[in-house]
C-alpha atoms as a PDB file:
ATOM      1  CA  GLU A   1     -57.399 -27.556 -55.870  1.00  0.00           C
ATOM      2  CA  ALA A   2     -54.347 -26.787 -57.659  1.00  0.00           C
ATOM      3  CA  ARG A   3     -53.014 -25.012 -54.729  1.00  0.00           C
ATOM      4  CA  HIS A   4     -53.877 -27.770 -52.267  1.00  0.00           C
ATOM      5  CA  LEU A   5     -52.090 -30.308 -54.399  1.00  0.00           C
ATOM      6  CA  ALA A   6     -48.866 -28.044 -54.796  1.00  0.00           C
ATOM      7  CA  ASP A   7     -49.042 -27.567 -50.820  1.00  0.00           C
ATOM      8  CA  SER A   8     -49.524 -31.273 -50.273  1.00  0.00           C
ATOM      9  CA  PHE A   9     -46.600 -32.167 -52.667  1.00  0.00           C
ATOM     10  CA  LEU A  10     -44.062 -29.661 -51.096  1.00  0.00           C
ATOM     11  CA  SER A  11     -44.954 -30.726 -47.590  1.00  0.00           C
ATOM     12  CA  MET A  12     -44.429 -34.164 -48.517  1.00  0.00           C
ATOM     13  CA  ILE A  13     -41.141 -33.458 -49.974  1.00  0.00           C
ATOM     14  CA  LYS A  14     -40.123 -31.280 -46.955  1.00  0.00           C
ATOM     15  CA  ASP A  15     -41.445 -33.769 -44.388  1.00  0.00           C
ATOM     16  CA  GLY A  16     -40.286 -36.753 -46.344  1.00  0.00           C
ATOM     17  CA  LYS A  17     -43.593 -38.522 -45.713  1.00  0.00           C
ATOM     18  CA  ALA A  18     -47.192 -38.475 -46.337  1.00  0.00           C
ATOM     19  CA  ASP A  19     -50.417 -40.101 -45.228  1.00  0.00           C
ATOM     20  CA  GLU A  20     -52.343 -42.443 -47.389  1.00  0.00           C
ATOM     21  CA  LYS A  21     -55.061 -39.711 -48.317  1.00  0.00           C
ATOM     22  CA  THR A  22     -52.332 -37.301 -49.590  1.00  0.00           C
ATOM     23  CA  LEU A  23     -50.650 -39.988 -51.560  1.00  0.00           C
ATOM     24  CA  ASP A  24     -54.000 -40.875 -53.216  1.00  0.00           C
ATOM     25  CA  GLU A  25     -54.609 -37.267 -53.941  1.00  0.00           C
ATOM     26  CA  LEU A  26     -51.240 -36.672 -55.531  1.00  0.00           C
ATOM     27  CA  GLU A  27     -51.558 -39.755 -57.825  1.00  0.00           C
ATOM     28  CA  ASP A  28     -48.550 -40.132 -59.911  1.00  0.00           C
ATOM     29  CA  ALA A  29     -46.698 -37.237 -58.230  1.00  0.00           C
ATOM     30  CA  ALA A  30     -46.646 -39.590 -55.184  1.00  0.00           C
ATOM     31  CA  ALA A  31     -43.768 -41.263 -56.788  1.00  0.00           C
ATOM     32  CA  PHE A  32     -41.530 -38.647 -55.539  1.00  0.00           C
ATOM     33  CA  GLN A  33     -42.327 -39.451 -51.902  1.00  0.00           C
ATOM     34  CA  ASN A  34     -38.743 -40.572 -51.080  1.00  0.00           C
ATOM     35  CA  ILE A  35     -36.888 -37.803 -52.952  1.00  0.00           C
ATOM     36  CA  SER A  36     -36.167 -35.863 -49.736  1.00  0.00           C
ATOM     37  CA  HIS A  37     -33.501 -38.577 -49.249  1.00  0.00           C
ATOM     38  CA  LEU A  38     -31.703 -37.280 -52.324  1.00  0.00           C
ATOM     39  CA  PRO A  39     -31.000 -33.695 -51.555  1.00  0.00           C
ATOM     40  CA  ALA A  40     -29.418 -33.107 -55.083  1.00  0.00           C
ATOM     41  CA  ARG A  41     -33.029 -33.961 -56.593  1.00  0.00           C
ATOM     42  CA  VAL A  42     -35.099 -32.190 -54.330  1.00  0.00           C
ATOM     43  CA  LYS A  43     -34.551 -28.794 -56.273  1.00  0.00           C
ATOM     44  CA  CYS A  44     -35.630 -30.605 -59.666  1.00  0.00           C
ATOM     45  CA  ALA A  45     -38.728 -32.155 -57.952  1.00  0.00           C
ATOM     46  CA  VAL A  46     -40.058 -28.865 -56.661  1.00  0.00           C
ATOM     47  CA  LEU A  47     -39.209 -26.476 -59.396  1.00  0.00           C
ATOM     48  CA  SER A  48     -42.605 -27.097 -61.215  1.00  0.00           C
ATOM     49  CA  TRP A  49     -44.537 -26.892 -58.111  1.00  0.00           C
ATOM     50  CA  HIS A  50     -43.034 -23.717 -56.920  1.00  0.00           C
ATOM     51  CA  THR A  51     -43.751 -22.214 -60.385  1.00  0.00           C
ATOM     52  CA  LEU A  52     -47.256 -23.354 -60.281  1.00  0.00           C
ATOM     53  CA  GLU A  53     -47.640 -21.621 -56.765  1.00  0.00           C
ATOM     54  CA  ASP A  54     -46.158 -18.556 -58.224  1.00  0.00           C
ATOM     55  CA  ALA A  55     -48.556 -18.505 -61.280  1.00  0.00           C
ATOM     56  CA  LEU A  56     -51.434 -18.800 -58.940  1.00  0.00           C
ATOM     57  CA  LYS A  57     -50.377 -16.142 -56.872  1.00  0.00           C
ATOM     58  CA  LYS A  58     -49.920 -13.921 -59.765  1.00  0.00           C
ATOM     59  CA  LYS A  59     -53.441 -14.672 -61.170  1.00  0.00           C
ATOM     60  CA  ASP A  60     -54.825 -14.029 -57.802  1.00  0.00           C
ATOM     61  CA  GLY A  61     -53.177 -10.603 -57.753  1.00  0.00           C
ATOM     62  CA  GLU A  62     -54.280  -9.757 -61.185  1.00  0.00           C
ATOM     63  CA  GLU A  63     -58.111 -10.639 -60.392  1.00  0.00           C
ATOM     64  CA  ALA A  64     -57.750  -8.670 -57.118  1.00  0.00           C
ATOM     65  CA  ARG A  65     -56.973  -5.430 -59.187  1.00  0.00           C
ATOM     66  CA  LYS A  66     -59.849  -6.215 -61.368  1.00  0.00           C
END
């Protein structure tokens, strides 16, 4: 679920739009929907989501080695 939310958020920022279902899933994070219109803020908005993705990838890699 976390990976799905991260993908949804990053897609919303990249595309500058999202459907109602995605906005409902993102809950409070949906407030950043129009951040793509503020290029100086995009990096700040996506930093934690990229960090989450990296952590999940690292966890998956560690579990695969077990």
